[in-house]
Amino acid sequence: MELELHQLELRYERLRKRHPPQERQLLASLVEIGQQLPIVVVGEATRYVVIDGYKRVRALKRLSRDTVRGTRWEIGEVEALLLERRLRCAAEDAFDRAWLLSELQERFGLSLEELARRFERSKSWVSRRLGLIQTLPARIHEHVREGHLPAHAAMKYLLPLARANAQAAIQLASTITPLKLTSRQVGALYAGWRSGTARTRELILAHPQIYLQAQSARVAAAPSATQRWLDDLGALSGIARRAHRALEHGLLPQLLEAERAEVEHGFARMRSDVQRLLERFDLETIHAG
């Protein structure tokens, strides 16, 4: 069926994440070969609620088109939303489900029990996803919907940050959104904020790119396994020389009986560890030869 754009009610547009690269590809496709797939609507007479096809509608508006091809499902609005969700469940993430659950609860008054039944899940599954909506600040949801913040990063890192400090989560999300960071980079920022000092947290929230650059430089400058082993050998040599000087300066005769027994016990343990090291080194050297 041919529908005029002014007949459409874009009631659930805010439940869909935007993907700018995909929308640019769709726009080019519409210009070149026209609309291939109809949108899905429910309703009758002159007003139709769009269930699927929001990207197509936005693209057609950008092209100044007046009409769109659509298919009308002969089912209720709630049933249509649930059916559309099942058809694209493989592409959904926790945010998609959380937004839909929240909308069904608020608009249609569905209880936890009813939502669990319709989604064929447990009440705790529904409750956890509704909690995602309630805990994560609305501004961060907008960043995810607009496609500027990876959903995985928001759920795995910004959600626990929001539980600890909602204002810090909002500030970090707003700061990193223009930077187009990966989930791994957002994770590095969250790890730094969680374990860092007050000064480190200020740097992460104000200049996350500087913190990430410093972390990258630190990783790049990390010594190799060979260098670390050589450093350990140098440390052992230094400790051995220092202990030898203490013996030369008459340490043992100055010890009390209890102290001497403790020193002898420690020396025996050290001798055993060093002997194991020497034997292992000789063995590895023979094999290497």
C-alpha atoms as a PDB file:
ATOM      1  CA  MET A   1       0.000   0.000   0.000  1.00  0.00           C
ATOM      2  CA  GLU A   2       1.110   3.562  -0.718  1.00  0.00           C
ATOM      3  CA  LEU A   3       1.178   5.808   2.363  1.00  0.00           C
ATOM      4  CA  GLU A   4       1.701   9.515   2.629  1.00  0.00           C
ATOM      5  CA  LEU A   5       4.392  10.497   5.105  1.00  0.00           C
ATOM      6  CA  HIS A   6       2.088  12.837   6.997  1.00  0.00           C
ATOM      7  CA  GLN A   7      -0.151   9.853   7.798  1.00  0.00           C
ATOM      8  CA  LEU A   8       2.595   8.144   9.786  1.00  0.00           C
ATOM      9  CA  GLU A   9       2.923   8.275  13.553  1.00  0.00           C
ATOM     10  CA  LEU A  10       6.569   7.772  14.487  1.00  0.00           C
ATOM     11  CA  ARG A  11       5.703   6.737  18.008  1.00  0.00           C
ATOM     12  CA  TYR A  12       8.613   4.333  18.536  1.00  0.00           C
ATOM     13  CA  GLU A  13      11.386   6.182  16.760  1.00  0.00           C
ATOM     14  CA  ARG A  14      13.150   6.852  20.046  1.00  0.00           C
ATOM     15  CA  LEU A  15      13.405   3.109  20.704  1.00  0.00           C
ATOM     16  CA  ARG A  16      15.687   2.614  17.711  1.00  0.00           C
ATOM     17  CA  LYS A  17      19.436   3.223  17.676  1.00  0.00           C
ATOM     18  CA  ARG A  18      20.757   5.269  14.780  1.00  0.00           C
ATOM     19  CA  HIS A  19      23.667   4.067  12.643  1.00  0.00           C
ATOM     20  CA  PRO A  20      24.862   7.005  10.486  1.00  0.00           C
ATOM     21  CA  PRO A  21      26.961   4.875   8.060  1.00  0.00           C
ATOM     22  CA  GLN A  22      24.015   2.543   7.407  1.00  0.00           C
ATOM     23  CA  GLU A  23      21.679   5.483   6.899  1.00  0.00           C
ATOM     24  CA  ARG A  24      24.044   7.027   4.358  1.00  0.00           C
ATOM     25  CA  GLN A  25      24.160   3.729   2.468  1.00  0.00           C
ATOM     26  CA  LEU A  26      20.358   3.505   2.545  1.00  0.00           C
ATOM     27  CA  LEU A  27      20.039   7.063   1.240  1.00  0.00           C
ATOM     28  CA  ALA A  28      22.338   6.273  -1.682  1.00  0.00           C
ATOM     29  CA  SER A  29      20.397   3.083  -2.409  1.00  0.00           C
ATOM     30  CA  LEU A  30      17.061   4.925  -2.444  1.00  0.00           C
ATOM     31  CA  VAL A  31      18.452   7.449  -4.895  1.00  0.00           C
ATOM     32  CA  GLU A  32      19.874   4.763  -7.168  1.00  0.00           C
ATOM     33  CA  ILE A  33      17.248   1.997  -7.163  1.00  0.00           C
ATOM     34  CA  GLY A  34      14.351   3.295  -5.066  1.00  0.00           C
ATOM     35  CA  GLN A  35      12.605   1.721  -2.088  1.00  0.00           C
ATOM     36  CA  GLN A  36      12.907  -2.068  -2.095  1.00  0.00           C
ATOM     37  CA  LEU A  37      11.360  -3.078   1.237  1.00  0.00           C
ATOM     38  CA  PRO A  38       8.047  -1.754   2.548  1.00  0.00           C
ATOM     39  CA  ILE A  39       7.782  -0.338   6.038  1.00  0.00           C
ATOM     40  CA  VAL A  40       5.486  -2.079   8.546  1.00  0.00           C
ATOM     41  CA  VAL A  41       2.572  -0.230  10.116  1.00  0.00           C
ATOM     42  CA  VAL A  42      -0.530  -0.911  12.180  1.00  0.00           C
ATOM     43  CA  GLY A  43      -3.700   1.127  12.342  1.00  0.00           C
ATOM     44  CA  GLU A  44      -6.415   2.109   9.947  1.00  0.00           C
ATOM     45  CA  ALA A  45      -8.161   5.005   8.218  1.00  0.00           C
ATOM     46  CA  THR A  46      -5.763   7.945   7.910  1.00  0.00           C
ATOM     47  CA  ARG A  47      -3.336   7.324  10.779  1.00  0.00           C
ATOM     48  CA  TYR A  48      -0.766   4.554  10.955  1.00  0.00           C
ATOM     49  CA  VAL A  49       1.780   3.714  13.668  1.00  0.00           C
ATOM     50  CA  VAL A  50       5.147   2.720  12.219  1.00  0.00           C
ATOM     51  CA  ILE A  51       6.408  -0.570  13.645  1.00  0.00           C
ATOM     52  CA  ASP A  52       9.428  -1.091  11.403  1.00  0.00           C
ATOM     53  CA  GLY A  53      11.116   1.128   8.813  1.00  0.00           C
ATOM     54  CA  TYR A  54      12.182   4.261  10.645  1.00  0.00           C
ATOM     55  CA  LYS A  55      15.451   4.575   8.737  1.00  0.00           C
ATOM     56  CA  ARG A  56      13.584   4.374   5.432  1.00  0.00           C
ATOM     57  CA  VAL A  57      11.152   7.058   6.527  1.00  0.00           C
ATOM     58  CA  ARG A  58      13.970   9.398   7.608  1.00  0.00           C
ATOM     59  CA  ALA A  59      15.820   8.826   4.338  1.00  0.00           C
ATOM     60  CA  LEU A  60      12.729   9.508   2.235  1.00  0.00           C
ATOM     61  CA  LYS A  61      12.107  12.732   4.145  1.00  0.00           C
ATOM     62  CA  ARG A  62      15.683  13.821   3.439  1.00  0.00           C
ATOM     63  CA  LEU A  63      14.987  13.183  -0.247  1.00  0.00           C
ATOM     64  CA  SER A  64      11.821  15.334   0.000  1.00  0.00           C
ATOM     65  CA  ARG A  65       9.579  12.402  -0.924  1.00  0.00           C
ATOM     66  CA  ASP A  66       5.892  12.517   0.000  1.00  0.00           C
ATOM     67  CA  THR A  67       5.029   8.812   0.024  1.00  0.00           C
ATOM     68  CA  VAL A  68       6.370   5.463   1.171  1.00  0.00           C
ATOM     69  CA  ARG A  69       5.396   1.871   0.394  1.00  0.00           C
ATOM     70  CA  GLY A  70       4.117   0.050   3.452  1.00  0.00           C
ATOM     71  CA  THR A  71       2.573  -3.180   4.710  1.00  0.00           C
ATOM     72  CA  ARG A  72      -0.186  -3.066   7.307  1.00  0.00           C
ATOM     73  CA  TRP A  73      -0.278  -5.868   9.849  1.00  0.00           C
ATOM     74  CA  GLU A  74      -3.779  -6.890  10.872  1.00  0.00           C
ATOM     75  CA  ILE A  75      -2.893  -7.255  14.562  1.00  0.00           C
ATOM     76  CA  GLY A  76      -2.874  -5.066  17.644  1.00  0.00           C
ATOM     77  CA  GLU A  77      -0.100  -2.610  18.409  1.00  0.00           C
ATOM     78  CA  VAL A  78       1.387  -4.583  21.308  1.00  0.00           C
ATOM     79  CA  GLU A  79       1.348  -7.819  19.316  1.00  0.00           C
ATOM     80  CA  ALA A  80       2.981  -6.036  16.371  1.00  0.00           C
ATOM     81  CA  LEU A  81       5.791  -4.704  18.555  1.00  0.00           C
ATOM     82  CA  LEU A  82       6.444  -8.145  20.004  1.00  0.00           C
ATOM     83  CA  LEU A  83       6.359  -9.815  16.587  1.00  0.00           C
ATOM     84  CA  GLU A  84       8.733  -7.271  15.082  1.00  0.00           C
ATOM     85  CA  ARG A  85      11.040  -7.770  18.035  1.00  0.00           C
ATOM     86  CA  ARG A  86      11.108 -11.543  17.466  1.00  0.00           C
ATOM     87  CA  LEU A  87      11.871 -11.067  13.762  1.00  0.00           C
ATOM     88  CA  ARG A  88      14.962  -9.011  14.521  1.00  0.00           C
ATOM     89  CA  CYS A  89      15.977 -10.532  17.874  1.00  0.00           C
ATOM     90  CA  ALA A  90      19.389 -11.583  16.554  1.00  0.00           C
ATOM     91  CA  ALA A  91      20.324  -7.925  15.999  1.00  0.00           C
ATOM     92  CA  GLU A  92      18.981  -6.738  19.327  1.00  0.00           C
ATOM     93  CA  ASP A  93      21.043  -5.931  22.374  1.00  0.00           C
ATOM     94  CA  ALA A  94      20.075  -5.330  25.979  1.00  0.00           C
ATOM     95  CA  PHE A  95      19.260  -1.690  25.273  1.00  0.00           C
ATOM     96  CA  ASP A  96      16.802  -2.521  22.507  1.00  0.00           C
ATOM     97  CA  ARG A  97      14.942  -4.896  24.790  1.00  0.00           C
ATOM     98  CA  ALA A  98      15.092  -2.529  27.759  1.00  0.00           C
ATOM     99  CA  TRP A  99      13.617   0.369  25.774  1.00  0.00           C
ATOM    100  CA  LEU A 100      10.842  -1.817  24.401  1.00  0.00           C
ATOM    101  CA  LEU A 101      10.030  -3.291  27.829  1.00  0.00           C
ATOM    102  CA  SER A 102       9.900   0.169  29.356  1.00  0.00           C
ATOM    103  CA  GLU A 103       7.631   1.449  26.587  1.00  0.00           C
ATOM    104  CA  LEU A 104       5.239  -1.487  26.933  1.00  0.00           C
ATOM    105  CA  GLN A 105       5.120  -1.026  30.685  1.00  0.00           C
ATOM    106  CA  GLU A 106       4.560   2.735  30.569  1.00  0.00           C
ATOM    107  CA  ARG A 107       2.304   3.051  27.529  1.00  0.00           C
ATOM    108  CA  PHE A 108       0.232  -0.097  27.892  1.00  0.00           C
ATOM    109  CA  GLY A 109       0.551  -0.726  31.631  1.00  0.00           C
ATOM    110  CA  LEU A 110       1.859  -4.284  31.280  1.00  0.00           C
ATOM    111  CA  SER A 111       2.993  -5.812  34.576  1.00  0.00           C
ATOM    112  CA  LEU A 112       6.254  -7.651  35.159  1.00  0.00           C
ATOM    113  CA  GLU A 113       4.360 -10.935  34.992  1.00  0.00           C
ATOM    114  CA  GLU A 114       2.713 -10.029  31.681  1.00  0.00           C
ATOM    115  CA  LEU A 115       5.985  -8.814  30.150  1.00  0.00           C
ATOM    116  CA  ALA A 116       7.753 -11.982  31.273  1.00  0.00           C
ATOM    117  CA  ARG A 117       5.010 -14.106  29.725  1.00  0.00           C
ATOM    118  CA  ARG A 118       4.978 -12.250  26.418  1.00  0.00           C
ATOM    119  CA  PHE A 119       8.782 -12.286  26.121  1.00  0.00           C
ATOM    120  CA  GLU A 120       8.938 -15.885  27.349  1.00  0.00           C
ATOM    121  CA  ARG A 121      11.413 -14.909  30.048  1.00  0.00           C
ATOM    122  CA  SER A 122      11.550 -14.771  33.832  1.00  0.00           C
ATOM    123  CA  LYS A 123      10.420 -11.776  35.878  1.00  0.00           C
ATOM    124  CA  SER A 124      14.013 -11.242  37.040  1.00  0.00           C
ATOM    125  CA  TRP A 125      15.154 -11.026  33.369  1.00  0.00           C
ATOM    126  CA  VAL A 126      12.553  -8.319  32.761  1.00  0.00           C
ATOM    127  CA  SER A 127      13.426  -6.540  36.008  1.00  0.00           C
ATOM    128  CA  ARG A 128      17.167  -6.419  35.193  1.00  0.00           C
ATOM    129  CA  ARG A 129      16.519  -4.803  31.835  1.00  0.00           C
ATOM    130  CA  LEU A 130      14.089  -2.292  33.252  1.00  0.00           C
ATOM    131  CA  GLY A 131      16.778  -1.523  35.823  1.00  0.00           C
ATOM    132  CA  LEU A 132      19.085  -0.625  32.945  1.00  0.00           C
ATOM    133  CA  ILE A 133      16.640   2.124  31.983  1.00  0.00           C
ATOM    134  CA  GLN A 134      16.206   3.319  35.552  1.00  0.00           C
ATOM    135  CA  THR A 135      19.901   3.331  36.528  1.00  0.00           C
ATOM    136  CA  LEU A 136      21.635   4.683  33.438  1.00  0.00           C
ATOM    137  CA  PRO A 137      21.057   8.441  33.003  1.00  0.00           C
ATOM    138  CA  ALA A 138      18.781   9.490  30.151  1.00  0.00           C
ATOM    139  CA  ARG A 139      21.550  11.523  28.470  1.00  0.00           C
ATOM    140  CA  ILE A 140      23.664   8.385  28.061  1.00  0.00           C
ATOM    141  CA  HIS A 141      20.672   6.595  26.518  1.00  0.00           C
ATOM    142  CA  GLU A 142      20.494   9.397  23.970  1.00  0.00           C
ATOM    143  CA  HIS A 143      24.159   8.954  23.045  1.00  0.00           C
ATOM    144  CA  VAL A 144      23.504   5.237  22.443  1.00  0.00           C
ATOM    145  CA  ARG A 145      20.332   5.874  20.408  1.00  0.00           C
ATOM    146  CA  GLU A 146      22.113   8.426  18.237  1.00  0.00           C
ATOM    147  CA  GLY A 147      24.819   5.875  17.448  1.00  0.00           C
ATOM    148  CA  HIS A 148      27.611   7.932  19.031  1.00  0.00           C
ATOM    149  CA  LEU A 149      28.320   5.513  21.888  1.00  0.00           C
ATOM    150  CA  PRO A 150      28.646   1.709  21.609  1.00  0.00           C
ATOM    151  CA  ALA A 151      25.801  -0.006  23.461  1.00  0.00           C
ATOM    152  CA  HIS A 152      28.168  -2.652  24.808  1.00  0.00           C
ATOM    153  CA  ALA A 153      30.453   0.002  26.297  1.00  0.00           C
ATOM    154  CA  ALA A 154      27.542   1.838  27.886  1.00  0.00           C
ATOM    155  CA  MET A 155      26.170  -1.289  29.511  1.00  0.00           C
ATOM    156  CA  LYS A 156      29.473  -2.862  30.617  1.00  0.00           C
ATOM    157  CA  TYR A 157      31.344   0.237  31.787  1.00  0.00           C
ATOM    158  CA  LEU A 158      29.138   3.327  32.081  1.00  0.00           C
ATOM    159  CA  LEU A 159      26.360   1.475  33.906  1.00  0.00           C
ATOM    160  CA  PRO A 160      28.571   0.434  36.872  1.00  0.00           C
ATOM    161  CA  LEU A 161      30.121   3.908  36.825  1.00  0.00           C
ATOM    162  CA  ALA A 162      26.647   5.440  36.998  1.00  0.00           C
ATOM    163  CA  ARG A 163      25.839   3.266  40.015  1.00  0.00           C
ATOM    164  CA  ALA A 164      28.909   4.674  41.776  1.00  0.00           C
ATOM    165  CA  ASN A 165      28.729   8.239  40.476  1.00  0.00           C
ATOM    166  CA  ALA A 166      25.943   9.211  38.062  1.00  0.00           C
ATOM    167  CA  GLN A 167      27.362  12.673  37.377  1.00  0.00           C
ATOM    168  CA  ALA A 168      30.770  11.237  36.512  1.00  0.00           C
ATOM    169  CA  ALA A 169      29.140   8.778  34.083  1.00  0.00           C
ATOM    170  CA  ILE A 170      27.241  11.606  32.358  1.00  0.00           C
ATOM    171  CA  GLN A 171      30.365  13.767  32.110  1.00  0.00           C
ATOM    172  CA  LEU A 172      32.494  10.933  30.757  1.00  0.00           C
ATOM    173  CA  ALA A 173      29.850   9.945  28.183  1.00  0.00           C
ATOM    174  CA  SER A 174      29.511  13.549  26.979  1.00  0.00           C
ATOM    175  CA  THR A 175      33.287  13.956  26.746  1.00  0.00           C
ATOM    176  CA  ILE A 176      34.036  10.734  24.865  1.00  0.00           C
ATOM    177  CA  THR A 177      31.054  10.861  22.467  1.00  0.00           C
ATOM    178  CA  PRO A 178      32.816  13.093  19.882  1.00  0.00           C
ATOM    179  CA  LEU A 179      35.944  10.914  20.084  1.00  0.00           C
ATOM    180  CA  LYS A 180      34.246   7.783  18.638  1.00  0.00           C
ATOM    181  CA  LEU A 181      36.056   5.472  21.056  1.00  0.00           C
ATOM    182  CA  THR A 182      35.887   1.683  20.928  1.00  0.00           C
ATOM    183  CA  SER A 183      34.418  -0.397  23.740  1.00  0.00           C
ATOM    184  CA  ARG A 184      37.951  -1.415  24.743  1.00  0.00           C
ATOM    185  CA  GLN A 185      39.023   2.216  25.092  1.00  0.00           C
ATOM    186  CA  VAL A 186      35.945   3.049  27.173  1.00  0.00           C
ATOM    187  CA  GLY A 187      36.802   0.030  29.325  1.00  0.00           C
ATOM    188  CA  ALA A 188      40.330   1.364  29.847  1.00  0.00           C
ATOM    189  CA  LEU A 189      38.905   4.712  30.979  1.00  0.00           C
ATOM    190  CA  TYR A 190      36.515   3.018  33.390  1.00  0.00           C
ATOM    191  CA  ALA A 191      39.301   0.848  34.819  1.00  0.00           C
ATOM    192  CA  GLY A 192      41.473   3.939  35.267  1.00  0.00           C
ATOM    193  CA  TRP A 193      38.667   5.869  36.953  1.00  0.00           C
ATOM    194  CA  ARG A 194      37.865   2.978  39.298  1.00  0.00           C
ATOM    195  CA  SER A 195      41.443   2.441  40.470  1.00  0.00           C
ATOM    196  CA  GLY A 196      42.820   5.965  40.046  1.00  0.00           C
ATOM    197  CA  THR A 197      43.418   8.822  42.411  1.00  0.00           C
ATOM    198  CA  ALA A 198      41.263  11.942  42.514  1.00  0.00           C
ATOM    199  CA  ARG A 199      43.713  13.630  40.117  1.00  0.00           C
ATOM    200  CA  THR A 200      43.568  10.688  37.701  1.00  0.00           C
ATOM    201  CA  ARG A 201      39.770  10.769  37.750  1.00  0.00           C
ATOM    202  CA  GLU A 202      39.778  14.474  36.962  1.00  0.00           C
ATOM    203  CA  LEU A 203      42.098  13.844  33.999  1.00  0.00           C
ATOM    204  CA  ILE A 204      39.914  10.989  32.686  1.00  0.00           C
ATOM    205  CA  LEU A 205      36.721  13.046  32.888  1.00  0.00           C
ATOM    206  CA  ALA A 206      38.226  16.220  31.426  1.00  0.00           C
ATOM    207  CA  HIS A 207      40.764  14.852  28.895  1.00  0.00           C
ATOM    208  CA  PRO A 208      40.183  11.134  28.273  1.00  0.00           C
ATOM    209  CA  GLN A 209      42.272  11.140  25.096  1.00  0.00           C
ATOM    210  CA  ILE A 210      45.334  12.327  27.055  1.00  0.00           C
ATOM    211  CA  TYR A 211      44.862   9.522  29.577  1.00  0.00           C
ATOM    212  CA  LEU A 212      44.541   6.929  26.795  1.00  0.00           C
ATOM    213  CA  GLN A 213      47.665   8.256  25.068  1.00  0.00           C
ATOM    214  CA  ALA A 214      49.598   8.037  28.345  1.00  0.00           C
ATOM    215  CA  GLN A 215      48.414   4.472  28.861  1.00  0.00           C
ATOM    216  CA  SER A 216      49.422   3.518  25.307  1.00  0.00           C
ATOM    217  CA  ALA A 217      52.868   5.021  25.804  1.00  0.00           C
ATOM    218  CA  ARG A 218      53.256   3.116  29.069  1.00  0.00           C
ATOM    219  CA  VAL A 219      52.354  -0.173  27.385  1.00  0.00           C
ATOM    220  CA  ALA A 220      54.690   0.559  24.472  1.00  0.00           C
ATOM    221  CA  ALA A 221      57.514   1.329  26.882  1.00  0.00           C
ATOM    222  CA  ALA A 222      57.022  -1.860  28.920  1.00  0.00           C
ATOM    223  CA  PRO A 223      60.248  -3.910  29.077  1.00  0.00           C
ATOM    224  CA  SER A 224      60.520  -7.235  27.303  1.00  0.00           C
ATOM    225  CA  ALA A 225      60.570 -10.547  29.177  1.00  0.00           C
ATOM    226  CA  THR A 226      64.332 -10.759  28.603  1.00  0.00           C
ATOM    227  CA  GLN A 227      64.909  -7.286  30.010  1.00  0.00           C
ATOM    228  CA  ARG A 228      62.749  -8.050  33.051  1.00  0.00           C
ATOM    229  CA  TRP A 229      64.778 -11.224  33.699  1.00  0.00           C
ATOM    230  CA  LEU A 230      68.043  -9.335  33.405  1.00  0.00           C
ATOM    231  CA  ASP A 231      66.668  -6.724  35.817  1.00  0.00           C
ATOM    232  CA  ASP A 232      65.800  -9.508  38.276  1.00  0.00           C
ATOM    233  CA  LEU A 233      69.336 -10.906  38.019  1.00  0.00           C
ATOM    234  CA  GLY A 234      70.745  -7.453  38.652  1.00  0.00           C
ATOM    235  CA  ALA A 235      68.528  -7.099  41.715  1.00  0.00           C
ATOM    236  CA  LEU A 236      69.668 -10.500  43.032  1.00  0.00           C
ATOM    237  CA  SER A 237      73.298  -9.523  42.567  1.00  0.00           C
ATOM    238  CA  GLY A 238      72.798  -6.246  44.378  1.00  0.00           C
ATOM    239  CA  ILE A 239      71.046  -7.922  47.303  1.00  0.00           C
ATOM    240  CA  ALA A 240      73.780 -10.609  47.521  1.00  0.00           C
ATOM    241  CA  ARG A 241      76.530  -7.955  47.628  1.00  0.00           C
ATOM    242  CA  ARG A 242      74.712  -6.005  50.324  1.00  0.00           C
ATOM    243  CA  ALA A 243      74.190  -9.156  52.448  1.00  0.00           C
ATOM    244  CA  HIS A 244      77.866 -10.090  51.985  1.00  0.00           C
ATOM    245  CA  ARG A 245      78.994  -6.697  53.291  1.00  0.00           C
ATOM    246  CA  ALA A 246      76.805  -7.143  56.365  1.00  0.00           C
ATOM    247  CA  LEU A 247      78.546 -10.446  57.129  1.00  0.00           C
ATOM    248  CA  GLU A 248      81.965  -8.844  56.573  1.00  0.00           C
ATOM    249  CA  HIS A 249      81.094  -6.172  59.127  1.00  0.00           C
ATOM    250  CA  GLY A 250      80.390  -8.789  61.783  1.00  0.00           C
ATOM    251  CA  LEU A 251      76.609  -9.153  61.707  1.00  0.00           C
ATOM    252  CA  LEU A 252      76.401 -12.751  62.988  1.00  0.00           C
ATOM    253  CA  PRO A 253      78.385 -12.301  66.252  1.00  0.00           C
ATOM    254  CA  GLN A 254      76.081  -9.420  67.207  1.00  0.00           C
ATOM    255  CA  LEU A 255      72.879 -11.488  66.981  1.00  0.00           C
ATOM    256  CA  LEU A 256      70.940 -12.858  69.919  1.00  0.00           C
ATOM    257  CA  GLU A 257      70.329 -16.597  69.961  1.00  0.00           C
ATOM    258  CA  ALA A 258      66.726 -16.281  68.757  1.00  0.00           C
ATOM    259  CA  GLU A 259      67.750 -13.837  66.018  1.00  0.00           C
ATOM    260  CA  ARG A 260      70.566 -16.138  64.884  1.00  0.00           C
ATOM    261  CA  ALA A 261      68.150 -19.076  64.545  1.00  0.00           C
ATOM    262  CA  GLU A 262      65.815 -16.903  62.470  1.00  0.00           C
ATOM    263  CA  VAL A 263      68.671 -15.735  60.232  1.00  0.00           C
ATOM    264  CA  GLU A 264      69.918 -19.288  59.706  1.00  0.00           C
ATOM    265  CA  HIS A 265      66.411 -20.406  58.778  1.00  0.00           C
ATOM    266  CA  GLY A 266      66.059 -17.549  56.279  1.00  0.00           C
ATOM    267  CA  PHE A 267      69.505 -18.251  54.843  1.00  0.00           C
ATOM    268  CA  ALA A 268      68.648 -21.942  54.333  1.00  0.00           C
ATOM    269  CA  ARG A 269      65.449 -20.989  52.483  1.00  0.00           C
ATOM    270  CA  MET A 270      67.364 -18.515  50.313  1.00  0.00           C
ATOM    271  CA  ARG A 271      70.071 -21.120  49.580  1.00  0.00           C
ATOM    272  CA  SER A 272      67.409 -23.599  48.455  1.00  0.00           C
ATOM    273  CA  ASP A 273      65.734 -21.061  46.138  1.00  0.00           C
ATOM    274  CA  VAL A 274      69.050 -19.969  44.625  1.00  0.00           C
ATOM    275  CA  GLN A 275      70.150 -23.580  44.174  1.00  0.00           C
ATOM    276  CA  ARG A 276      66.913 -24.346  42.313  1.00  0.00           C
ATOM    277  CA  LEU A 277      67.550 -21.325  40.082  1.00  0.00           C
ATOM    278  CA  LEU A 278      71.128 -22.433  39.341  1.00  0.00           C
ATOM    279  CA  GLU A 279      70.098 -25.983  38.550  1.00  0.00           C
ATOM    280  CA  ARG A 280      67.283 -24.798  36.275  1.00  0.00           C
ATOM    281  CA  PHE A 281      69.608 -22.402  34.461  1.00  0.00           C
ATOM    282  CA  ASP A 282      72.181 -25.166  33.902  1.00  0.00           C
ATOM    283  CA  LEU A 283      69.464 -27.511  32.622  1.00  0.00           C
ATOM    284  CA  GLU A 284      68.052 -24.911  30.207  1.00  0.00           C
ATOM    285  CA  THR A 285      71.534 -24.020  28.996  1.00  0.00           C
ATOM    286  CA  ILE A 286      72.306 -27.673  28.212  1.00  0.00           C
ATOM    287  CA  HIS A 287      69.030 -28.074  26.321  1.00  0.00           C
ATOM    288  CA  ALA A 288      69.603 -24.836  24.425  1.00  0.00           C
ATOM    289  CA  GLY A 289      73.028 -26.140  23.377  1.00  0.00           C
END
